[in-house]
Amino acid sequence: MKKLMDKLTEIQQDKLLHFFYGTIISFIGMGVFGLSGLLFTLVAAAWKELFYDWYLGYGNPDIWDFNWTMAPAIMFIILYSI
């Protein structure tokens, strides 16, 4: 258990924020559009990384930021399938 807690404390704050906002975006998308609303999370995550960070240059585009934003959507799909 200690090893797990040590690993969890190593997660960068930026990645946790992506996970948090990915959860909110996924929840809203599912509430409005149902399960297909998770596509909304995909679009939002891709827009943030490609347009906002890469094209406009306001941040550092990172595939891991995209992955952390999409993780809650994937978790919602898995839980919905059970």
PDB file of N, CA and C in Angstrom:
ATOM      1  N   MET A   1       0.824  -1.187   0.000  1.00  0.00           N
ATOM      2  CA  MET A   1       0.000   0.000   0.000  1.00  0.00           C
ATOM      3  C   MET A   1       0.870   1.254   0.000  1.00  0.00           C
ATOM      4  N   LYS A   2       1.978   1.190   0.704  1.00  0.00           N
ATOM      5  CA  LYS A   2       2.872   2.353   0.749  1.00  0.00           C
ATOM      6  C   LYS A   2       3.444   2.651  -0.630  1.00  0.00           C
ATOM      7  N   LYS A   3       3.773   1.608  -1.384  1.00  0.00           N
ATOM      8  CA  LYS A   3       4.302   1.817  -2.730  1.00  0.00           C
ATOM      9  C   LYS A   3       3.269   2.503  -3.619  1.00  0.00           C
ATOM     10  N   LEU A   4       2.016   2.103  -3.489  1.00  0.00           N
ATOM     11  CA  LEU A   4       0.950   2.727  -4.263  1.00  0.00           C
ATOM     12  C   LEU A   4       0.801   4.198  -3.891  1.00  0.00           C
ATOM     13  N   MET A   5       0.812   4.497  -2.611  1.00  0.00           N
ATOM     14  CA  MET A   5       0.681   5.886  -2.161  1.00  0.00           C
ATOM     15  C   MET A   5       1.873   6.725  -2.625  1.00  0.00           C
ATOM     16  N   ASP A   6       3.057   6.152  -2.614  1.00  0.00           N
ATOM     17  CA  ASP A   6       4.238   6.873  -3.101  1.00  0.00           C
ATOM     18  C   ASP A   6       4.119   7.184  -4.591  1.00  0.00           C
ATOM     19  N   LYS A   7       3.610   6.234  -5.366  1.00  0.00           N
ATOM     20  CA  LYS A   7       3.420   6.455  -6.805  1.00  0.00           C
ATOM     21  C   LYS A   7       2.381   7.539  -7.059  1.00  0.00           C
ATOM     22  N   LEU A   8       1.292   7.520  -6.293  1.00  0.00           N
ATOM     23  CA  LEU A   8       0.239   8.514  -6.481  1.00  0.00           C
ATOM     24  C   LEU A   8       0.711   9.923  -6.149  1.00  0.00           C
ATOM     25  N   THR A   9       1.620  10.052  -5.202  1.00  0.00           N
ATOM     26  CA  THR A   9       2.114  11.389  -4.850  1.00  0.00           C
ATOM     27  C   THR A   9       3.104  11.916  -5.880  1.00  0.00           C
ATOM     28  N   GLU A  10       3.586  11.054  -6.757  1.00  0.00           N
ATOM     29  CA  GLU A  10       4.520  11.489  -7.794  1.00  0.00           C
ATOM     30  C   GLU A  10       3.817  12.077  -9.022  1.00  0.00           C
ATOM     31  N   ILE A  11       2.488  11.953  -9.105  1.00  0.00           N
ATOM     32  CA  ILE A  11       1.749  12.470 -10.256  1.00  0.00           C
ATOM     33  C   ILE A  11       1.799  13.993 -10.226  1.00  0.00           C
ATOM     34  N   GLN A  12       2.157  14.574 -11.353  1.00  0.00           N
ATOM     35  CA  GLN A  12       2.276  16.027 -11.443  1.00  0.00           C
ATOM     36  C   GLN A  12       0.912  16.687 -11.286  1.00  0.00           C
ATOM     37  N   GLN A  13       0.912  17.893 -10.706  1.00  0.00           N
ATOM     38  CA  GLN A  13      -0.334  18.626 -10.493  1.00  0.00           C
ATOM     39  C   GLN A  13      -1.038  18.915 -11.816  1.00  0.00           C
ATOM     40  N   ASP A  14      -0.283  19.200 -12.869  1.00  0.00           N
ATOM     41  CA  ASP A  14      -0.866  19.467 -14.184  1.00  0.00           C
ATOM     42  C   ASP A  14      -1.670  18.275 -14.682  1.00  0.00           C
ATOM     43  N   LYS A  15      -1.142  17.078 -14.499  1.00  0.00           N
ATOM     44  CA  LYS A  15      -1.840  15.869 -14.957  1.00  0.00           C
ATOM     45  C   LYS A  15      -3.112  15.650 -14.140  1.00  0.00           C
ATOM     46  N   LEU A  16      -3.052  15.935 -12.840  1.00  0.00           N
ATOM     47  CA  LEU A  16      -4.242  15.799 -12.007  1.00  0.00           C
ATOM     48  C   LEU A  16      -5.315  16.796 -12.413  1.00  0.00           C
ATOM     49  N   LEU A  17      -4.909  17.994 -12.801  1.00  0.00           N
ATOM     50  CA  LEU A  17      -5.878  18.986 -13.275  1.00  0.00           C
ATOM     51  C   LEU A  17      -6.522  18.533 -14.581  1.00  0.00           C
ATOM     52  N   HIS A  18      -5.737  17.943 -15.472  1.00  0.00           N
ATOM     53  CA  HIS A  18      -6.305  17.403 -16.715  1.00  0.00           C
ATOM     54  C   HIS A  18      -7.311  16.304 -16.404  1.00  0.00           C
ATOM     55  N   PHE A  19      -6.997  15.449 -15.440  1.00  0.00           N
ATOM     56  CA  PHE A  19      -7.920  14.388 -15.042  1.00  0.00           C
ATOM     57  C   PHE A  19      -9.200  14.981 -14.450  1.00  0.00           C
ATOM     58  N   PHE A  20      -9.062  15.988 -13.603  1.00  0.00           N
ATOM     59  CA  PHE A  20     -10.206  16.638 -12.964  1.00  0.00           C
ATOM     60  C   PHE A  20     -11.126  17.272 -14.006  1.00  0.00           C
ATOM     61  N   TYR A  21     -10.547  18.075 -14.901  1.00  0.00           N
ATOM     62  CA  TYR A  21     -11.375  18.729 -15.910  1.00  0.00           C
ATOM     63  C   TYR A  21     -11.917  17.733 -16.936  1.00  0.00           C
ATOM     64  N   GLY A  22     -11.169  16.669 -17.207  1.00  0.00           N
ATOM     65  CA  GLY A  22     -11.685  15.610 -18.073  1.00  0.00           C
ATOM     66  C   GLY A  22     -12.900  14.934 -17.467  1.00  0.00           C
ATOM     67  N   THR A  23     -12.901  14.787 -16.136  1.00  0.00           N
ATOM     68  CA  THR A  23     -14.048  14.213 -15.442  1.00  0.00           C
ATOM     69  C   THR A  23     -15.264  15.120 -15.577  1.00  0.00           C
ATOM     70  N   ILE A  24     -15.058  16.418 -15.370  1.00  0.00           N
ATOM     71  CA  ILE A  24     -16.166  17.373 -15.469  1.00  0.00           C
ATOM     72  C   ILE A  24     -16.717  17.407 -16.898  1.00  0.00           C
ATOM     73  N   ILE A  25     -15.836  17.481 -17.884  1.00  0.00           N
ATOM     74  CA  ILE A  25     -16.270  17.540 -19.282  1.00  0.00           C
ATOM     75  C   ILE A  25     -17.006  16.252 -19.665  1.00  0.00           C
ATOM     76  N   SER A  26     -16.497  15.104 -19.224  1.00  0.00           N
ATOM     77  CA  SER A  26     -17.146  13.825 -19.526  1.00  0.00           C
ATOM     78  C   SER A  26     -18.517  13.734 -18.874  1.00  0.00           C
ATOM     79  N   PHE A  27     -18.608  14.190 -17.638  1.00  0.00           N
ATOM     80  CA  PHE A  27     -19.879  14.149 -16.912  1.00  0.00           C
ATOM     81  C   PHE A  27     -20.921  15.026 -17.601  1.00  0.00           C
ATOM     82  N   ILE A  28     -20.521  16.216 -18.002  1.00  0.00           N
ATOM     83  CA  ILE A  28     -21.444  17.114 -18.705  1.00  0.00           C
ATOM     84  C   ILE A  28     -21.834  16.520 -20.059  1.00  0.00           C
ATOM     85  N   GLY A  29     -20.853  15.997 -20.795  1.00  0.00           N
ATOM     86  CA  GLY A  29     -21.138  15.397 -22.098  1.00  0.00           C
ATOM     87  C   GLY A  29     -22.104  14.236 -21.994  1.00  0.00           C
ATOM     88  N   MET A  30     -21.931  13.387 -20.970  1.00  0.00           N
ATOM     89  CA  MET A  30     -22.839  12.260 -20.789  1.00  0.00           C
ATOM     90  C   MET A  30     -24.214  12.736 -20.360  1.00  0.00           C
ATOM     91  N   GLY A  31     -24.268  13.785 -19.552  1.00  0.00           N
ATOM     92  CA  GLY A  31     -25.557  14.291 -19.104  1.00  0.00           C
ATOM     93  C   GLY A  31     -26.367  14.892 -20.235  1.00  0.00           C
ATOM     94  N   VAL A  32     -25.698  15.526 -21.174  1.00  0.00           N
ATOM     95  CA  VAL A  32     -26.397  16.190 -22.273  1.00  0.00           C
ATOM     96  C   VAL A  32     -26.658  15.237 -23.441  1.00  0.00           C
ATOM     97  N   PHE A  33     -25.651  14.464 -23.824  1.00  0.00           N
ATOM     98  CA  PHE A  33     -25.737  13.647 -25.041  1.00  0.00           C
ATOM     99  C   PHE A  33     -25.748  12.147 -24.791  1.00  0.00           C
ATOM    100  N   GLY A  34     -25.724  11.707 -23.571  1.00  0.00           N
ATOM    101  CA  GLY A  34     -25.644  10.276 -23.280  1.00  0.00           C
ATOM    102  C   GLY A  34     -24.224   9.774 -23.496  1.00  0.00           C
ATOM    103  N   LEU A  35     -24.107   8.496 -23.765  1.00  0.00           N
ATOM    104  CA  LEU A  35     -22.780   7.896 -23.919  1.00  0.00           C
ATOM    105  C   LEU A  35     -22.013   8.499 -25.091  1.00  0.00           C
ATOM    106  N   SER A  36     -22.701   8.908 -26.132  1.00  0.00           N
ATOM    107  CA  SER A  36     -22.003   9.531 -27.260  1.00  0.00           C
ATOM    108  C   SER A  36     -21.457  10.905 -26.896  1.00  0.00           C
ATOM    109  N   GLY A  37     -21.861  11.438 -25.771  1.00  0.00           N
ATOM    110  CA  GLY A  37     -21.339  12.713 -25.303  1.00  0.00           C
ATOM    111  C   GLY A  37     -19.881  12.635 -24.884  1.00  0.00           C
ATOM    112  N   LEU A  38     -19.368  11.427 -24.725  1.00  0.00           N
ATOM    113  CA  LEU A  38     -17.953  11.291 -24.391  1.00  0.00           C
ATOM    114  C   LEU A  38     -17.067  11.712 -25.558  1.00  0.00           C
ATOM    115  N   LEU A  39     -17.659  11.747 -26.745  1.00  0.00           N
ATOM    116  CA  LEU A  39     -16.946  12.296 -27.894  1.00  0.00           C
ATOM    117  C   LEU A  39     -16.623  13.774 -27.653  1.00  0.00           C
ATOM    118  N   PHE A  40     -17.488  14.443 -26.896  1.00  0.00           N
ATOM    119  CA  PHE A  40     -17.267  15.832 -26.514  1.00  0.00           C
ATOM    120  C   PHE A  40     -15.944  15.979 -25.752  1.00  0.00           C
ATOM    121  N   THR A  41     -15.623  15.006 -24.899  1.00  0.00           N
ATOM    122  CA  THR A  41     -14.361  15.020 -24.163  1.00  0.00           C
ATOM    123  C   THR A  41     -13.188  14.884 -25.119  1.00  0.00           C
ATOM    124  N   LEU A  42     -13.317  14.014 -26.099  1.00  0.00           N
ATOM    125  CA  LEU A  42     -12.264  13.832 -27.087  1.00  0.00           C
ATOM    126  C   LEU A  42     -11.996  15.130 -27.839  1.00  0.00           C
ATOM    127  N   VAL A  43     -13.055  15.797 -28.271  1.00  0.00           N
ATOM    128  CA  VAL A  43     -12.913  17.045 -29.012  1.00  0.00           C
ATOM    129  C   VAL A  43     -12.301  18.125 -28.131  1.00  0.00           C
ATOM    130  N   ALA A  44     -12.766  18.225 -26.880  1.00  0.00           N
ATOM    131  CA  ALA A  44     -12.244  19.248 -25.971  1.00  0.00           C
ATOM    132  C   ALA A  44     -10.766  19.015 -25.665  1.00  0.00           C
ATOM    133  N   ALA A  45     -10.388  17.771 -25.426  1.00  0.00           N
ATOM    134  CA  ALA A  45      -8.995  17.458 -25.117  1.00  0.00           C
ATOM    135  C   ALA A  45      -8.090  17.721 -26.321  1.00  0.00           C
ATOM    136  N   ALA A  46      -8.547  17.324 -27.504  1.00  0.00           N
ATOM    137  CA  ALA A  46      -7.751  17.551 -28.714  1.00  0.00           C
ATOM    138  C   ALA A  46      -7.649  19.042 -29.015  1.00  0.00           C
ATOM    139  N   TRP A  47      -8.750  19.788 -28.840  1.00  0.00           N
ATOM    140  CA  TRP A  47      -8.723  21.235 -29.082  1.00  0.00           C
ATOM    141  C   TRP A  47      -7.737  21.916 -28.149  1.00  0.00           C
ATOM    142  N   LYS A  48      -7.761  21.529 -26.895  1.00  0.00           N
ATOM    143  CA  LYS A  48      -6.875  22.167 -25.917  1.00  0.00           C
ATOM    144  C   LYS A  48      -5.421  21.938 -26.275  1.00  0.00           C
ATOM    145  N   GLU A  49      -5.083  20.723 -26.613  1.00  0.00           N
ATOM    146  CA  GLU A  49      -3.679  20.409 -26.897  1.00  0.00           C
ATOM    147  C   GLU A  49      -3.236  20.935 -28.262  1.00  0.00           C
ATOM    148  N   LEU A  50      -4.065  20.783 -29.279  1.00  0.00           N
ATOM    149  CA  LEU A  50      -3.642  21.171 -30.625  1.00  0.00           C
ATOM    150  C   LEU A  50      -3.789  22.668 -30.891  1.00  0.00           C
ATOM    151  N   PHE A  51      -4.939  23.207 -30.594  1.00  0.00           N
ATOM    152  CA  PHE A  51      -5.183  24.617 -30.935  1.00  0.00           C
ATOM    153  C   PHE A  51      -4.623  25.552 -29.879  1.00  0.00           C
ATOM    154  N   TYR A  52      -5.034  25.357 -28.647  1.00  0.00           N
ATOM    155  CA  TYR A  52      -4.657  26.285 -27.578  1.00  0.00           C
ATOM    156  C   TYR A  52      -3.165  26.217 -27.269  1.00  0.00           C
ATOM    157  N   ASP A  53      -2.626  25.011 -27.079  1.00  0.00           N
ATOM    158  CA  ASP A  53      -1.219  24.877 -26.703  1.00  0.00           C
ATOM    159  C   ASP A  53      -0.271  24.970 -27.895  1.00  0.00           C
ATOM    160  N   TRP A  54      -0.582  24.235 -28.979  1.00  0.00           N
ATOM    161  CA  TRP A  54       0.358  24.154 -30.093  1.00  0.00           C
ATOM    162  C   TRP A  54       0.214  25.339 -31.039  1.00  0.00           C
ATOM    163  N   TYR A  55      -0.999  25.594 -31.535  1.00  0.00           N
ATOM    164  CA  TYR A  55      -1.198  26.631 -32.543  1.00  0.00           C
ATOM    165  C   TYR A  55      -1.062  28.033 -31.951  1.00  0.00           C
ATOM    166  N   LEU A  56      -1.745  28.300 -30.857  1.00  0.00           N
ATOM    167  CA  LEU A  56      -1.684  29.624 -30.247  1.00  0.00           C
ATOM    168  C   LEU A  56      -0.440  29.815 -29.381  1.00  0.00           C
ATOM    169  N   GLY A  57       0.169  28.729 -28.961  1.00  0.00           N
ATOM    170  CA  GLY A  57       1.414  28.803 -28.201  1.00  0.00           C
ATOM    171  C   GLY A  57       1.256  29.193 -26.741  1.00  0.00           C
ATOM    172  N   TYR A  58       0.073  28.984 -26.166  1.00  0.00           N
ATOM    173  CA  TYR A  58      -0.147  29.357 -24.769  1.00  0.00           C
ATOM    174  C   TYR A  58       0.344  28.314 -23.784  1.00  0.00           C
ATOM    175  N   GLY A  59       0.693  27.156 -24.261  1.00  0.00           N
ATOM    176  CA  GLY A  59       1.140  26.093 -23.362  1.00  0.00           C
ATOM    177  C   GLY A  59       2.088  25.164 -24.076  1.00  0.00           C
ATOM    178  N   ASN A  60       2.323  24.047 -23.451  1.00  0.00           N
ATOM    179  CA  ASN A  60       3.211  23.042 -23.994  1.00  0.00           C
ATOM    180  C   ASN A  60       2.368  21.828 -24.398  1.00  0.00           C
ATOM    181  N   PRO A  61       2.179  21.575 -25.706  1.00  0.00           N
ATOM    182  CA  PRO A  61       1.362  20.423 -26.103  1.00  0.00           C
ATOM    183  C   PRO A  61       2.020  19.117 -25.667  1.00  0.00           C
ATOM    184  N   ASP A  62       1.226  18.253 -25.091  1.00  0.00           N
ATOM    185  CA  ASP A  62       1.764  17.016 -24.542  1.00  0.00           C
ATOM    186  C   ASP A  62       0.723  15.906 -24.714  1.00  0.00           C
ATOM    187  N   ILE A  63       1.135  14.787 -25.258  1.00  0.00           N
ATOM    188  CA  ILE A  63       0.224  13.664 -25.454  1.00  0.00           C
ATOM    189  C   ILE A  63      -0.262  13.130 -24.122  1.00  0.00           C
ATOM    190  N   TRP A  64       0.556  13.232 -23.078  1.00  0.00           N
ATOM    191  CA  TRP A  64       0.138  12.744 -21.763  1.00  0.00           C
ATOM    192  C   TRP A  64      -0.955  13.617 -21.160  1.00  0.00           C
ATOM    193  N   ASP A  65      -0.943  14.914 -21.451  1.00  0.00           N
ATOM    194  CA  ASP A  65      -2.043  15.772 -21.020  1.00  0.00           C
ATOM    195  C   ASP A  65      -3.342  15.315 -21.673  1.00  0.00           C
ATOM    196  N   PHE A  66      -3.273  15.007 -22.955  1.00  0.00           N
ATOM    197  CA  PHE A  66      -4.438  14.480 -23.670  1.00  0.00           C
ATOM    198  C   PHE A  66      -4.903  13.171 -23.046  1.00  0.00           C
ATOM    199  N   ASN A  67      -3.967  12.278 -22.755  1.00  0.00           N
ATOM    200  CA  ASN A  67      -4.313  10.982 -22.165  1.00  0.00           C
ATOM    201  C   ASN A  67      -4.975  11.144 -20.796  1.00  0.00           C
ATOM    202  N   TRP A  68      -4.442  12.046 -19.971  1.00  0.00           N
ATOM    203  CA  TRP A  68      -5.014  12.264 -18.641  1.00  0.00           C
ATOM    204  C   TRP A  68      -6.400  12.903 -18.741  1.00  0.00           C
ATOM    205  N   THR A  69      -6.636  13.711 -19.756  1.00  0.00           N
ATOM    206  CA  THR A  69      -7.962  14.297 -19.941  1.00  0.00           C
ATOM    207  C   THR A  69      -8.955  13.235 -20.409  1.00  0.00           C
ATOM    208  N   MET A  70      -8.509  12.303 -21.235  1.00  0.00           N
ATOM    209  CA  MET A  70      -9.386  11.266 -21.768  1.00  0.00           C
ATOM    210  C   MET A  70      -9.605  10.106 -20.796  1.00  0.00           C
ATOM    211  N   ALA A  71      -8.768   9.947 -19.791  1.00  0.00           N
ATOM    212  CA  ALA A  71      -8.881   8.822 -18.864  1.00  0.00           C
ATOM    213  C   ALA A  71     -10.256   8.719 -18.206  1.00  0.00           C
ATOM    214  N   PRO A  72     -10.848   9.811 -17.703  1.00  0.00           N
ATOM    215  CA  PRO A  72     -12.192   9.673 -17.122  1.00  0.00           C
ATOM    216  C   PRO A  72     -13.245   9.216 -18.137  1.00  0.00           C
ATOM    217  N   ALA A  73     -13.142   9.669 -19.374  1.00  0.00           N
ATOM    218  CA  ALA A  73     -14.093   9.241 -20.404  1.00  0.00           C
ATOM    219  C   ALA A  73     -13.976   7.737 -20.639  1.00  0.00           C
ATOM    220  N   ILE A  74     -12.766   7.244 -20.675  1.00  0.00           N
ATOM    221  CA  ILE A  74     -12.545   5.808 -20.851  1.00  0.00           C
ATOM    222  C   ILE A  74     -13.083   5.036 -19.649  1.00  0.00           C
ATOM    223  N   MET A  75     -12.893   5.592 -18.453  1.00  0.00           N
ATOM    224  CA  MET A  75     -13.415   4.954 -17.256  1.00  0.00           C
ATOM    225  C   MET A  75     -14.945   4.929 -17.273  1.00  0.00           C
ATOM    226  N   PHE A  76     -15.573   6.011 -17.739  1.00  0.00           N
ATOM    227  CA  PHE A  76     -17.034   6.035 -17.852  1.00  0.00           C
ATOM    228  C   PHE A  76     -17.513   4.959 -18.829  1.00  0.00           C
ATOM    229  N   ILE A  77     -16.820   4.789 -19.946  1.00  0.00           N
ATOM    230  CA  ILE A  77     -17.201   3.771 -20.936  1.00  0.00           C
ATOM    231  C   ILE A  77     -17.084   2.381 -20.335  1.00  0.00           C
ATOM    232  N   ILE A  78     -16.000   2.124 -19.616  1.00  0.00           N
ATOM    233  CA  ILE A  78     -15.810   0.812 -18.990  1.00  0.00           C
ATOM    234  C   ILE A  78     -16.906   0.546 -17.967  1.00  0.00           C
ATOM    235  N   LEU A  79     -17.201   1.530 -17.111  1.00  0.00           N
ATOM    236  CA  LEU A  79     -18.245   1.340 -16.110  1.00  0.00           C
ATOM    237  C   LEU A  79     -19.627   1.184 -16.739  1.00  0.00           C
ATOM    238  N   TYR A  80     -19.864   1.880 -17.832  1.00  0.00           N
ATOM    239  CA  TYR A  80     -21.147   1.767 -18.518  1.00  0.00           C
ATOM    240  C   TYR A  80     -21.318   0.380 -19.139  1.00  0.00           C
ATOM    241  N   SER A  81     -20.217  -0.217 -19.572  1.00  0.00           N
ATOM    242  CA  SER A  81     -20.258  -1.522 -20.239  1.00  0.00           C
ATOM    243  C   SER A  81     -20.466  -2.668 -19.271  1.00  0.00           C
ATOM    244  N   ILE A  82     -20.187  -2.443 -18.000  1.00  0.00           N
ATOM    245  CA  ILE A  82     -20.289  -3.537 -17.002  1.00  0.00           C
ATOM    246  C   ILE A  82     -21.707  -3.847 -16.673  1.00  0.00           C
TER     247      ILE A  82
END
